Amino acid sequence: MNKSLLAYIHPHASISEQYRTIRNNIHYASSGSKVRSLLVTSPSEGEGKSTTTVNLAVCMAQRGDRVLIIDANFRNPIINKIFNVQTSPGLSNILGQQLEFREAIYHTEVEGLDILPSGQRLYNSTELLDSQLMVDVMAFAYEHYDIVLLDCPPVLGAPDTNALASKCDGVLLIVKSGATQQEHALEAKRTLLFAKANILGVILNKKSV
């Protein structure tokens, strides 16, 4: 099992408790309204957004929610590696109308947690993520899951994240202590707000995480 799945491997560890606290705080940050979709991103690469995504998803599934992780990072997909499945079929195959939604879903060993890998790399990814097809993907996901988490590319590295920001109920921005430059964090926040994102909070990762 991949060591990134901390909340599943070590559910009683302090780091797992911190993820559960973040899970609960998402509800408070949304002013009591139900969050059905959550976009997770960071200013740059290597700041821990995918690790945060999978561990939040595990904690939500442990609470009894039906959870789906969508890997929307076509340039550098990570979710399939964490769960040891193929990259394709996945989201790009659905957006390319090559197969149905349910045909690209993988069930994980975490009860209640499914994943939708990225699929093959798309060169018109921004346009497809900003299309009615993506709206339809989200609508289908809402019918079958309590919450959907999207693991997205870094804000400053690709326009894909901005295309999805307004389609989600909330956004989490991940920054890394000792790594993320302050000006990059501020620029990422401005970019997300310009894209009409509802930023629920910023998560500070320790350098060792």
N, C-alpha and C. Protein backbone atom coordinates (compact mmCIF):
# COMPACT_ATOMS: atom_id res chain seq x y z
N MET A 1 0.84 -1.20 0.00
CA MET A 1 0.00 0.00 0.00
C MET A 1 0.88 1.25 0.00
N ASN A 2 0.45 2.26 -0.75
CA ASN A 2 1.24 3.47 -0.87
C ASN A 2 1.31 4.22 0.46
N LYS A 3 2.51 4.67 0.82
CA LYS A 3 2.72 5.33 2.11
C LYS A 3 2.01 6.67 2.22
N SER A 4 1.53 7.22 1.08
CA SER A 4 0.79 8.48 1.12
C SER A 4 -0.55 8.34 1.83
N LEU A 5 -1.08 7.11 1.90
CA LEU A 5 -2.39 6.88 2.51
C LEU A 5 -2.28 6.80 4.03
N LEU A 6 -1.79 7.87 4.62
CA LEU A 6 -1.50 7.90 6.06
C LEU A 6 -2.74 7.67 6.90
N ALA A 7 -3.84 8.31 6.53
CA ALA A 7 -5.06 8.22 7.33
C ALA A 7 -5.66 6.82 7.31
N TYR A 8 -5.29 6.02 6.30
CA TYR A 8 -5.79 4.65 6.22
C TYR A 8 -4.85 3.67 6.90
N ILE A 9 -3.55 3.88 6.69
CA ILE A 9 -2.55 2.97 7.27
C ILE A 9 -2.39 3.19 8.77
N HIS A 10 -2.40 4.46 9.18
CA HIS A 10 -2.21 4.81 10.59
C HIS A 10 -3.35 5.71 11.06
N PRO A 11 -4.57 5.16 11.20
CA PRO A 11 -5.73 5.99 11.53
C PRO A 11 -5.67 6.67 12.89
N HIS A 12 -4.83 6.16 13.79
CA HIS A 12 -4.76 6.75 15.13
C HIS A 12 -3.57 7.68 15.30
N ALA A 13 -2.80 7.89 14.26
CA ALA A 13 -1.64 8.78 14.34
C ALA A 13 -2.09 10.23 14.39
N SER A 14 -1.23 11.10 14.90
CA SER A 14 -1.58 12.50 15.05
C SER A 14 -1.84 13.17 13.70
N ILE A 15 -1.11 12.76 12.65
CA ILE A 15 -1.32 13.35 11.34
C ILE A 15 -2.70 12.98 10.81
N SER A 16 -3.18 11.78 11.12
CA SER A 16 -4.51 11.36 10.70
C SER A 16 -5.57 12.19 11.42
N GLU A 17 -5.32 12.47 12.69
CA GLU A 17 -6.24 13.32 13.45
C GLU A 17 -6.29 14.73 12.87
N GLN A 18 -5.17 15.21 12.38
CA GLN A 18 -5.15 16.54 11.75
C GLN A 18 -5.96 16.56 10.47
N TYR A 19 -5.89 15.49 9.70
CA TYR A 19 -6.71 15.42 8.48
C TYR A 19 -8.19 15.37 8.83
N ARG A 20 -8.54 14.67 9.90
CA ARG A 20 -9.94 14.63 10.32
C ARG A 20 -10.41 16.01 10.79
N THR A 21 -9.51 16.74 11.42
CA THR A 21 -9.85 18.10 11.85
C THR A 21 -10.11 18.99 10.64
N ILE A 22 -9.25 18.86 9.61
CA ILE A 22 -9.46 19.62 8.37
C ILE A 22 -10.79 19.23 7.73
N ARG A 23 -11.08 17.94 7.71
CA ARG A 23 -12.36 17.46 7.17
C ARG A 23 -13.53 18.15 7.86
N ASN A 24 -13.47 18.22 9.19
CA ASN A 24 -14.56 18.85 9.94
C ASN A 24 -14.59 20.36 9.73
N ASN A 25 -13.42 20.97 9.61
CA ASN A 25 -13.36 22.43 9.44
C ASN A 25 -13.91 22.87 8.09
N ILE A 26 -13.86 21.99 7.10
CA ILE A 26 -14.43 22.32 5.79
C ILE A 26 -15.91 22.64 5.93
N HIS A 27 -16.59 21.88 6.78
CA HIS A 27 -18.02 22.12 7.01
C HIS A 27 -18.23 23.50 7.65
N TYR A 28 -17.40 23.84 8.63
CA TYR A 28 -17.55 25.13 9.30
C TYR A 28 -17.22 26.28 8.36
N ALA A 29 -16.20 26.09 7.52
CA ALA A 29 -15.79 27.15 6.60
C ALA A 29 -16.83 27.44 5.54
N SER A 30 -17.69 26.46 5.27
CA SER A 30 -18.72 26.64 4.25
C SER A 30 -20.00 27.23 4.83
N SER A 31 -19.92 27.73 6.05
CA SER A 31 -21.06 28.39 6.73
C SER A 31 -22.26 27.45 6.87
N GLY A 32 -21.97 26.17 7.02
CA GLY A 32 -23.04 25.21 7.27
C GLY A 32 -23.65 24.62 6.02
N SER A 33 -23.40 25.22 4.85
CA SER A 33 -23.95 24.66 3.61
C SER A 33 -23.14 23.43 3.21
N LYS A 34 -23.81 22.47 2.63
CA LYS A 34 -23.15 21.20 2.31
C LYS A 34 -22.19 21.38 1.14
N VAL A 35 -20.96 20.91 1.33
CA VAL A 35 -19.96 20.93 0.27
C VAL A 35 -20.04 19.60 -0.48
N ARG A 36 -20.46 19.66 -1.75
CA ARG A 36 -20.57 18.44 -2.55
C ARG A 36 -19.32 18.22 -3.41
N SER A 37 -18.58 19.30 -3.68
CA SER A 37 -17.38 19.16 -4.50
C SER A 37 -16.29 20.07 -3.95
N LEU A 38 -15.07 19.55 -3.96
CA LEU A 38 -13.94 20.26 -3.37
C LEU A 38 -12.74 20.14 -4.31
N LEU A 39 -12.25 21.29 -4.75
CA LEU A 39 -11.07 21.32 -5.62
C LEU A 39 -9.84 21.55 -4.75
N VAL A 40 -8.83 20.72 -4.95
CA VAL A 40 -7.59 20.84 -4.17
C VAL A 40 -6.46 21.19 -5.13
N THR A 41 -5.74 22.27 -4.82
CA THR A 41 -4.65 22.70 -5.69
C THR A 41 -3.56 23.35 -4.84
N SER A 42 -2.52 23.82 -5.51
CA SER A 42 -1.40 24.47 -4.85
C SER A 42 -0.82 25.50 -5.82
N PRO A 43 0.03 26.40 -5.35
CA PRO A 43 0.64 27.35 -6.29
C PRO A 43 1.56 26.66 -7.29
N SER A 44 2.37 25.71 -6.81
CA SER A 44 3.39 25.07 -7.66
C SER A 44 3.43 23.57 -7.39
N GLU A 45 4.31 22.87 -8.10
CA GLU A 45 4.47 21.43 -7.91
C GLU A 45 5.13 21.11 -6.58
N GLY A 46 4.87 19.91 -6.07
CA GLY A 46 5.58 19.38 -4.92
C GLY A 46 5.20 19.97 -3.58
N GLU A 47 3.97 20.48 -3.47
CA GLU A 47 3.56 21.11 -2.21
C GLU A 47 2.57 20.27 -1.41
N GLY A 48 2.28 19.05 -1.90
CA GLY A 48 1.50 18.10 -1.10
C GLY A 48 0.02 18.06 -1.37
N LYS A 49 -0.42 18.57 -2.51
CA LYS A 49 -1.86 18.62 -2.75
C LYS A 49 -2.47 17.23 -2.96
N SER A 50 -1.77 16.34 -3.65
CA SER A 50 -2.33 15.01 -3.89
C SER A 50 -2.39 14.19 -2.61
N THR A 51 -1.36 14.31 -1.77
CA THR A 51 -1.37 13.63 -0.47
C THR A 51 -2.53 14.15 0.38
N THR A 52 -2.74 15.45 0.35
CA THR A 52 -3.86 16.04 1.09
C THR A 52 -5.19 15.54 0.55
N THR A 53 -5.31 15.49 -0.77
CA THR A 53 -6.56 15.04 -1.39
C THR A 53 -6.92 13.62 -0.95
N VAL A 54 -5.97 12.69 -1.06
CA VAL A 54 -6.29 11.29 -0.76
C VAL A 54 -6.57 11.08 0.72
N ASN A 55 -5.88 11.78 1.59
CA ASN A 55 -6.11 11.59 3.02
C ASN A 55 -7.41 12.24 3.50
N LEU A 56 -7.77 13.37 2.90
CA LEU A 56 -9.08 13.94 3.20
C LEU A 56 -10.18 13.00 2.72
N ALA A 57 -9.98 12.44 1.53
CA ALA A 57 -10.96 11.51 0.98
C ALA A 57 -11.12 10.28 1.88
N VAL A 58 -10.00 9.75 2.36
CA VAL A 58 -10.05 8.60 3.28
C VAL A 58 -10.83 8.95 4.54
N CYS A 59 -10.55 10.11 5.11
CA CYS A 59 -11.25 10.53 6.34
C CYS A 59 -12.74 10.72 6.11
N MET A 60 -13.10 11.22 4.94
CA MET A 60 -14.52 11.38 4.62
C MET A 60 -15.19 10.03 4.44
N ALA A 61 -14.50 9.10 3.79
CA ALA A 61 -15.05 7.75 3.63
C ALA A 61 -15.18 7.05 4.98
N GLN A 62 -14.21 7.26 5.88
CA GLN A 62 -14.27 6.67 7.21
C GLN A 62 -15.45 7.20 8.02
N ARG A 63 -15.90 8.40 7.67
CA ARG A 63 -17.07 8.99 8.34
C ARG A 63 -18.37 8.38 7.81
N GLY A 64 -18.28 7.67 6.68
CA GLY A 64 -19.46 7.05 6.11
C GLY A 64 -19.92 7.66 4.80
N ASP A 65 -19.19 8.66 4.30
CA ASP A 65 -19.55 9.29 3.03
C ASP A 65 -19.15 8.41 1.85
N ARG A 66 -19.89 8.51 0.78
CA ARG A 66 -19.49 7.93 -0.50
C ARG A 66 -18.63 8.99 -1.20
N VAL A 67 -17.38 8.68 -1.46
CA VAL A 67 -16.40 9.68 -1.91
C VAL A 67 -15.80 9.28 -3.26
N LEU A 68 -15.66 10.27 -4.13
CA LEU A 68 -14.99 10.07 -5.41
C LEU A 68 -13.85 11.07 -5.55
N ILE A 69 -12.67 10.57 -5.88
CA ILE A 69 -11.54 11.44 -6.25
C ILE A 69 -11.43 11.45 -7.77
N ILE A 70 -11.45 12.65 -8.35
CA ILE A 70 -11.21 12.81 -9.78
C ILE A 70 -9.82 13.40 -9.97
N ASP A 71 -8.98 12.70 -10.71
CA ASP A 71 -7.66 13.23 -11.04
C ASP A 71 -7.79 14.09 -12.29
N ALA A 72 -7.79 15.41 -12.10
CA ALA A 72 -7.93 16.35 -13.21
C ALA A 72 -6.59 16.93 -13.62
N ASN A 73 -5.51 16.27 -13.21
CA ASN A 73 -4.17 16.73 -13.55
C ASN A 73 -3.62 15.89 -14.71
N PHE A 74 -3.94 16.32 -15.92
CA PHE A 74 -3.53 15.54 -17.09
C PHE A 74 -2.03 15.61 -17.33
N ARG A 75 -1.39 16.68 -16.85
CA ARG A 75 0.03 16.88 -17.12
C ARG A 75 0.91 16.02 -16.21
N ASN A 76 0.46 15.82 -14.98
CA ASN A 76 1.28 15.04 -14.03
C ASN A 76 0.36 14.26 -13.09
N PRO A 77 -0.33 13.26 -13.59
CA PRO A 77 -1.28 12.51 -12.76
C PRO A 77 -0.58 11.72 -11.66
N ILE A 78 -1.16 11.76 -10.46
CA ILE A 78 -0.56 11.11 -9.30
C ILE A 78 -1.51 10.09 -8.67
N ILE A 79 -2.81 10.36 -8.72
CA ILE A 79 -3.78 9.55 -7.98
C ILE A 79 -3.71 8.08 -8.38
N ASN A 80 -3.55 7.80 -9.66
CA ASN A 80 -3.48 6.39 -10.10
C ASN A 80 -2.26 5.69 -9.52
N LYS A 81 -1.16 6.43 -9.33
CA LYS A 81 0.05 5.84 -8.76
C LYS A 81 -0.15 5.51 -7.28
N ILE A 82 -0.83 6.39 -6.57
CA ILE A 82 -1.07 6.16 -5.15
C ILE A 82 -1.91 4.90 -4.94
N PHE A 83 -2.89 4.70 -5.82
CA PHE A 83 -3.79 3.54 -5.68
C PHE A 83 -3.41 2.37 -6.58
N ASN A 84 -2.27 2.51 -7.27
CA ASN A 84 -1.71 1.42 -8.08
C ASN A 84 -2.69 0.90 -9.13
N VAL A 85 -3.23 1.86 -9.92
CA VAL A 85 -4.08 1.49 -11.05
C VAL A 85 -3.54 2.19 -12.30
N GLN A 86 -4.09 1.83 -13.44
CA GLN A 86 -3.66 2.44 -14.69
C GLN A 86 -4.16 3.88 -14.79
N THR A 87 -3.45 4.69 -15.57
CA THR A 87 -3.88 6.07 -15.81
C THR A 87 -5.16 6.10 -16.65
N SER A 88 -5.26 5.16 -17.57
CA SER A 88 -6.38 5.13 -18.50
C SER A 88 -7.03 3.75 -18.48
N PRO A 89 -8.36 3.64 -18.58
CA PRO A 89 -9.29 4.73 -18.89
C PRO A 89 -9.51 5.66 -17.72
N GLY A 90 -9.99 6.87 -18.06
CA GLY A 90 -10.19 7.86 -17.02
C GLY A 90 -10.98 9.05 -17.52
N LEU A 91 -10.76 10.19 -16.87
CA LEU A 91 -11.55 11.39 -17.15
C LEU A 91 -11.46 11.81 -18.62
N SER A 92 -10.26 11.78 -19.18
CA SER A 92 -10.11 12.24 -20.56
C SER A 92 -10.91 11.38 -21.53
N ASN A 93 -11.05 10.09 -21.23
CA ASN A 93 -11.82 9.20 -22.10
C ASN A 93 -13.31 9.53 -22.04
N ILE A 94 -13.77 9.95 -20.86
CA ILE A 94 -15.17 10.37 -20.73
C ILE A 94 -15.39 11.67 -21.48
N LEU A 95 -14.49 12.63 -21.28
CA LEU A 95 -14.63 13.93 -21.95
C LEU A 95 -14.49 13.78 -23.47
N GLY A 96 -13.73 12.78 -23.89
CA GLY A 96 -13.60 12.51 -25.31
C GLY A 96 -14.73 11.67 -25.86
N GLN A 97 -15.71 11.35 -24.99
CA GLN A 97 -16.91 10.58 -25.34
C GLN A 97 -16.56 9.20 -25.90
N GLN A 98 -15.50 8.61 -25.32
CA GLN A 98 -15.07 7.28 -25.72
C GLN A 98 -15.70 6.18 -24.88
N LEU A 99 -16.19 6.54 -23.69
CA LEU A 99 -16.81 5.55 -22.82
C LEU A 99 -17.67 6.25 -21.78
N GLU A 100 -18.47 5.47 -21.08
CA GLU A 100 -19.37 6.02 -20.07
C GLU A 100 -18.63 6.23 -18.75
N PHE A 101 -19.21 7.09 -17.92
CA PHE A 101 -18.63 7.45 -16.63
C PHE A 101 -18.29 6.21 -15.81
N ARG A 102 -19.26 5.33 -15.66
CA ARG A 102 -19.07 4.17 -14.75
C ARG A 102 -17.99 3.21 -15.25
N GLU A 103 -17.67 3.27 -16.53
CA GLU A 103 -16.66 2.37 -17.09
C GLU A 103 -15.23 2.80 -16.73
N ALA A 104 -15.07 4.02 -16.23
CA ALA A 104 -13.74 4.53 -15.90
C ALA A 104 -13.48 4.61 -14.40
N ILE A 105 -14.46 4.18 -13.61
CA ILE A 105 -14.34 4.26 -12.15
C ILE A 105 -13.59 3.04 -11.61
N TYR A 106 -12.70 3.30 -10.65
CA TYR A 106 -12.01 2.23 -9.94
C TYR A 106 -12.43 2.24 -8.48
N HIS A 107 -12.75 1.07 -7.95
CA HIS A 107 -13.04 0.95 -6.52
C HIS A 107 -11.72 0.71 -5.79
N THR A 108 -11.54 1.36 -4.66
CA THR A 108 -10.30 1.19 -3.88
C THR A 108 -10.56 0.27 -2.70
N GLU A 109 -9.49 -0.11 -2.02
CA GLU A 109 -9.65 -0.96 -0.85
C GLU A 109 -10.19 -0.20 0.35
N VAL A 110 -10.27 1.12 0.24
CA VAL A 110 -10.89 1.94 1.28
C VAL A 110 -12.40 1.92 1.04
N GLU A 111 -13.14 1.38 1.97
CA GLU A 111 -14.59 1.27 1.79
C GLU A 111 -15.22 2.64 1.59
N GLY A 112 -16.00 2.77 0.52
CA GLY A 112 -16.69 4.03 0.25
C GLY A 112 -15.91 5.01 -0.60
N LEU A 113 -14.68 4.64 -1.00
CA LEU A 113 -13.83 5.55 -1.77
C LEU A 113 -13.54 4.98 -3.16
N ASP A 114 -13.96 5.72 -4.18
CA ASP A 114 -13.67 5.37 -5.57
C ASP A 114 -12.79 6.45 -6.18
N ILE A 115 -12.13 6.11 -7.29
CA ILE A 115 -11.31 7.10 -7.98
C ILE A 115 -11.61 7.08 -9.48
N LEU A 116 -11.45 8.25 -10.09
CA LEU A 116 -11.52 8.41 -11.54
C LEU A 116 -10.17 8.94 -11.98
N PRO A 117 -9.30 8.10 -12.55
CA PRO A 117 -7.97 8.56 -12.97
C PRO A 117 -8.07 9.61 -14.08
N SER A 118 -6.94 10.17 -14.44
CA SER A 118 -6.93 11.26 -15.42
C SER A 118 -7.21 10.77 -16.83
N GLY A 119 -6.80 9.54 -17.15
CA GLY A 119 -6.91 9.09 -18.52
C GLY A 119 -5.72 9.58 -19.34
N GLN A 120 -5.84 9.45 -20.64
CA GLN A 120 -4.76 9.89 -21.53
C GLN A 120 -4.61 11.41 -21.49
N ARG A 121 -3.40 11.87 -21.74
CA ARG A 121 -3.15 13.31 -21.70
C ARG A 121 -3.90 14.00 -22.83
N LEU A 122 -4.49 15.15 -22.50
CA LEU A 122 -5.23 15.94 -23.48
C LEU A 122 -4.46 17.21 -23.81
N TYR A 123 -4.48 17.58 -25.07
CA TYR A 123 -3.81 18.82 -25.46
C TYR A 123 -4.79 19.98 -25.56
N ASN A 124 -6.08 19.68 -25.47
CA ASN A 124 -7.11 20.72 -25.38
C ASN A 124 -7.84 20.60 -24.05
N SER A 125 -7.07 20.27 -23.01
CA SER A 125 -7.66 19.96 -21.71
C SER A 125 -8.44 21.12 -21.12
N THR A 126 -7.93 22.35 -21.25
CA THR A 126 -8.62 23.49 -20.66
C THR A 126 -10.01 23.66 -21.26
N GLU A 127 -10.11 23.52 -22.57
CA GLU A 127 -11.40 23.67 -23.23
C GLU A 127 -12.38 22.58 -22.78
N LEU A 128 -11.91 21.35 -22.66
CA LEU A 128 -12.79 20.25 -22.26
C LEU A 128 -13.22 20.37 -20.80
N LEU A 129 -12.29 20.80 -19.95
CA LEU A 129 -12.64 20.95 -18.53
C LEU A 129 -13.62 22.11 -18.32
N ASP A 130 -13.65 23.03 -19.27
CA ASP A 130 -14.55 24.19 -19.18
C ASP A 130 -15.81 23.97 -20.02
N SER A 131 -16.07 22.73 -20.39
CA SER A 131 -17.17 22.43 -21.31
C SER A 131 -18.40 21.89 -20.58
N GLN A 132 -19.48 21.77 -21.34
CA GLN A 132 -20.71 21.17 -20.80
C GLN A 132 -20.48 19.71 -20.45
N LEU A 133 -19.56 19.05 -21.15
CA LEU A 133 -19.25 17.65 -20.84
C LEU A 133 -18.75 17.51 -19.41
N MET A 134 -17.91 18.45 -18.96
CA MET A 134 -17.41 18.39 -17.58
C MET A 134 -18.53 18.68 -16.59
N VAL A 135 -19.41 19.58 -16.95
CA VAL A 135 -20.59 19.84 -16.10
C VAL A 135 -21.41 18.56 -15.95
N ASP A 136 -21.54 17.82 -17.05
CA ASP A 136 -22.29 16.56 -17.01
C ASP A 136 -21.59 15.51 -16.15
N VAL A 137 -20.24 15.48 -16.22
CA VAL A 137 -19.47 14.56 -15.38
C VAL A 137 -19.73 14.85 -13.90
N MET A 138 -19.70 16.13 -13.54
CA MET A 138 -19.93 16.51 -12.15
C MET A 138 -21.36 16.16 -11.72
N ALA A 139 -22.31 16.39 -12.59
CA ALA A 139 -23.71 16.09 -12.27
C ALA A 139 -23.90 14.60 -12.03
N PHE A 140 -23.27 13.77 -12.86
CA PHE A 140 -23.35 12.32 -12.68
C PHE A 140 -22.70 11.91 -11.37
N ALA A 141 -21.56 12.52 -11.06
CA ALA A 141 -20.86 12.21 -9.81
C ALA A 141 -21.73 12.57 -8.61
N TYR A 142 -22.42 13.70 -8.67
CA TYR A 142 -23.28 14.11 -7.55
C TYR A 142 -24.41 13.11 -7.31
N GLU A 143 -24.85 12.44 -8.38
CA GLU A 143 -25.93 11.47 -8.24
C GLU A 143 -25.49 10.22 -7.49
N HIS A 144 -24.18 9.90 -7.56
CA HIS A 144 -23.70 8.63 -7.02
C HIS A 144 -22.79 8.77 -5.80
N TYR A 145 -22.37 10.00 -5.49
CA TYR A 145 -21.44 10.20 -4.38
C TYR A 145 -21.89 11.36 -3.50
N ASP A 146 -21.50 11.29 -2.23
CA ASP A 146 -21.81 12.37 -1.30
C ASP A 146 -20.89 13.56 -1.49
N ILE A 147 -19.64 13.29 -1.84
CA ILE A 147 -18.68 14.37 -2.06
C ILE A 147 -17.67 13.95 -3.12
N VAL A 148 -17.26 14.94 -3.93
CA VAL A 148 -16.30 14.72 -5.01
C VAL A 148 -15.10 15.62 -4.77
N LEU A 149 -13.90 15.02 -4.75
CA LEU A 149 -12.67 15.79 -4.60
C LEU A 149 -11.91 15.78 -5.92
N LEU A 150 -11.51 16.95 -6.39
CA LEU A 150 -10.75 17.05 -7.63
C LEU A 150 -9.31 17.42 -7.32
N ASP A 151 -8.40 16.52 -7.71
CA ASP A 151 -6.97 16.80 -7.57
C ASP A 151 -6.53 17.50 -8.85
N CYS A 152 -6.20 18.78 -8.74
CA CYS A 152 -5.97 19.61 -9.92
C CYS A 152 -4.51 20.03 -10.04
N PRO A 153 -4.10 20.49 -11.23
CA PRO A 153 -2.73 20.97 -11.41
C PRO A 153 -2.48 22.22 -10.56
N PRO A 154 -1.22 22.55 -10.34
CA PRO A 154 -0.90 23.80 -9.64
C PRO A 154 -1.50 25.00 -10.37
N VAL A 155 -1.99 25.96 -9.61
CA VAL A 155 -2.67 27.13 -10.19
C VAL A 155 -1.76 27.88 -11.15
N LEU A 156 -0.50 28.05 -10.76
CA LEU A 156 0.41 28.88 -11.54
C LEU A 156 1.05 28.12 -12.69
N GLY A 157 0.76 26.83 -12.81
CA GLY A 157 1.41 26.03 -13.84
C GLY A 157 0.54 25.74 -15.04
N ALA A 158 -0.79 25.87 -14.89
CA ALA A 158 -1.69 25.50 -15.98
C ALA A 158 -3.02 26.22 -15.81
N PRO A 159 -3.70 26.54 -16.92
CA PRO A 159 -5.01 27.19 -16.82
C PRO A 159 -6.14 26.22 -16.51
N ASP A 160 -5.85 24.91 -16.49
CA ASP A 160 -6.90 23.91 -16.29
C ASP A 160 -7.64 24.12 -14.97
N THR A 161 -6.90 24.44 -13.91
CA THR A 161 -7.52 24.59 -12.59
C THR A 161 -8.53 25.72 -12.58
N ASN A 162 -8.21 26.83 -13.23
CA ASN A 162 -9.15 27.95 -13.28
C ASN A 162 -10.44 27.57 -13.99
N ALA A 163 -10.35 26.67 -14.95
CA ALA A 163 -11.54 26.24 -15.69
C ALA A 163 -12.49 25.46 -14.79
N LEU A 164 -11.95 24.85 -13.73
CA LEU A 164 -12.78 24.03 -12.83
C LEU A 164 -13.18 24.76 -11.55
N ALA A 165 -12.48 25.84 -11.23
CA ALA A 165 -12.65 26.48 -9.92
C ALA A 165 -14.09 26.88 -9.64
N SER A 166 -14.76 27.47 -10.62
CA SER A 166 -16.13 27.94 -10.39
C SER A 166 -17.15 26.82 -10.45
N LYS A 167 -16.73 25.63 -10.88
CA LYS A 167 -17.65 24.48 -10.96
C LYS A 167 -17.72 23.70 -9.65
N CYS A 168 -16.88 24.06 -8.69
CA CYS A 168 -16.82 23.34 -7.41
C CYS A 168 -17.35 24.21 -6.28
N ASP A 169 -17.89 23.55 -5.26
CA ASP A 169 -18.44 24.29 -4.12
C ASP A 169 -17.37 25.00 -3.32
N GLY A 170 -16.17 24.43 -3.29
CA GLY A 170 -15.10 25.03 -2.50
C GLY A 170 -13.74 24.65 -3.03
N VAL A 171 -12.74 25.46 -2.67
CA VAL A 171 -11.36 25.24 -3.09
C VAL A 171 -10.46 25.25 -1.87
N LEU A 172 -9.52 24.30 -1.81
CA LEU A 172 -8.47 24.29 -0.80
C LEU A 172 -7.14 24.57 -1.49
N LEU A 173 -6.40 25.52 -0.96
CA LEU A 173 -5.08 25.86 -1.50
C LEU A 173 -4.02 25.31 -0.56
N ILE A 174 -3.15 24.46 -1.08
CA ILE A 174 -2.12 23.81 -0.27
C ILE A 174 -0.80 24.54 -0.46
N VAL A 175 -0.18 24.95 0.64
CA VAL A 175 1.15 25.55 0.59
C VAL A 175 2.07 24.76 1.51
N LYS A 176 3.36 24.82 1.23
CA LYS A 176 4.32 24.00 1.97
C LYS A 176 5.31 24.87 2.73
N SER A 177 5.40 24.64 4.02
CA SER A 177 6.31 25.41 4.86
C SER A 177 7.75 25.24 4.40
N GLY A 178 8.42 26.36 4.22
CA GLY A 178 9.81 26.32 3.81
C GLY A 178 10.02 26.11 2.33
N ALA A 179 8.93 25.99 1.56
CA ALA A 179 9.05 25.74 0.12
C ALA A 179 8.26 26.74 -0.70
N THR A 180 7.00 26.96 -0.33
CA THR A 180 6.17 27.87 -1.09
C THR A 180 6.58 29.32 -0.84
N GLN A 181 6.87 30.04 -1.90
CA GLN A 181 7.21 31.44 -1.76
C GLN A 181 5.94 32.26 -1.55
N GLN A 182 6.04 33.25 -0.67
CA GLN A 182 4.87 34.04 -0.30
C GLN A 182 4.21 34.68 -1.51
N GLU A 183 5.03 35.23 -2.43
CA GLU A 183 4.45 35.89 -3.60
C GLU A 183 3.71 34.90 -4.50
N HIS A 184 4.17 33.64 -4.53
CA HIS A 184 3.48 32.63 -5.31
C HIS A 184 2.14 32.28 -4.68
N ALA A 185 2.11 32.19 -3.35
CA ALA A 185 0.86 31.90 -2.65
C ALA A 185 -0.16 33.01 -2.88
N LEU A 186 0.28 34.26 -2.81
CA LEU A 186 -0.62 35.38 -3.02
C LEU A 186 -1.11 35.45 -4.46
N GLU A 187 -0.20 35.16 -5.39
CA GLU A 187 -0.59 35.16 -6.81
C GLU A 187 -1.60 34.05 -7.08
N ALA A 188 -1.39 32.89 -6.47
CA ALA A 188 -2.33 31.78 -6.64
C ALA A 188 -3.71 32.16 -6.10
N LYS A 189 -3.75 32.81 -4.96
CA LYS A 189 -5.02 33.24 -4.38
C LYS A 189 -5.73 34.23 -5.29
N ARG A 190 -4.98 35.21 -5.82
CA ARG A 190 -5.58 36.19 -6.72
C ARG A 190 -6.14 35.51 -7.98
N THR A 191 -5.38 34.55 -8.50
CA THR A 191 -5.81 33.85 -9.70
C THR A 191 -7.10 33.08 -9.46
N LEU A 192 -7.19 32.41 -8.33
CA LEU A 192 -8.39 31.64 -8.00
C LEU A 192 -9.60 32.56 -7.79
N LEU A 193 -9.39 33.67 -7.12
CA LEU A 193 -10.49 34.60 -6.90
C LEU A 193 -10.97 35.20 -8.21
N PHE A 194 -10.04 35.46 -9.12
CA PHE A 194 -10.41 35.98 -10.44
C PHE A 194 -11.27 34.96 -11.19
N ALA A 195 -11.00 33.68 -10.94
CA ALA A 195 -11.77 32.60 -11.57
C ALA A 195 -13.07 32.31 -10.82
N LYS A 196 -13.40 33.18 -9.86
CA LYS A 196 -14.64 33.06 -9.07
C LYS A 196 -14.67 31.80 -8.20
N ALA A 197 -13.50 31.43 -7.68
CA ALA A 197 -13.41 30.28 -6.79
C ALA A 197 -13.87 30.66 -5.38
N ASN A 198 -14.51 29.72 -4.71
CA ASN A 198 -14.88 29.89 -3.31
C ASN A 198 -13.78 29.23 -2.46
N ILE A 199 -12.79 30.03 -2.07
CA ILE A 199 -11.65 29.49 -1.32
C ILE A 199 -12.09 29.27 0.14
N LEU A 200 -12.17 28.00 0.52
CA LEU A 200 -12.60 27.67 1.88
C LEU A 200 -11.45 27.81 2.89
N GLY A 201 -10.22 27.66 2.40
CA GLY A 201 -9.10 27.77 3.33
C GLY A 201 -7.78 27.43 2.68
N VAL A 202 -6.72 27.69 3.42
CA VAL A 202 -5.36 27.37 3.00
C VAL A 202 -4.80 26.36 4.00
N ILE A 203 -4.20 25.29 3.50
CA ILE A 203 -3.61 24.27 4.37
C ILE A 203 -2.08 24.41 4.27
N LEU A 204 -1.45 24.54 5.41
CA LEU A 204 0.00 24.66 5.47
C LEU A 204 0.60 23.30 5.76
N ASN A 205 1.31 22.76 4.79
CA ASN A 205 2.01 21.49 4.97
C ASN A 205 3.37 21.74 5.60
N LYS A 206 3.75 20.90 6.55
CA LYS A 206 5.09 20.97 7.10
C LYS A 206 6.09 20.50 6.05
N LYS A 207 7.30 20.96 6.18
CA LYS A 207 8.33 20.62 5.20
C LYS A 207 8.57 19.14 5.12
N SER A 208 8.39 18.45 6.24
CA SER A 208 8.68 17.01 6.27
C SER A 208 7.53 16.17 5.75
N VAL A 209 6.37 16.78 5.49
CA VAL A 209 5.20 16.00 5.06
C VAL A 209 5.19 15.87 3.55
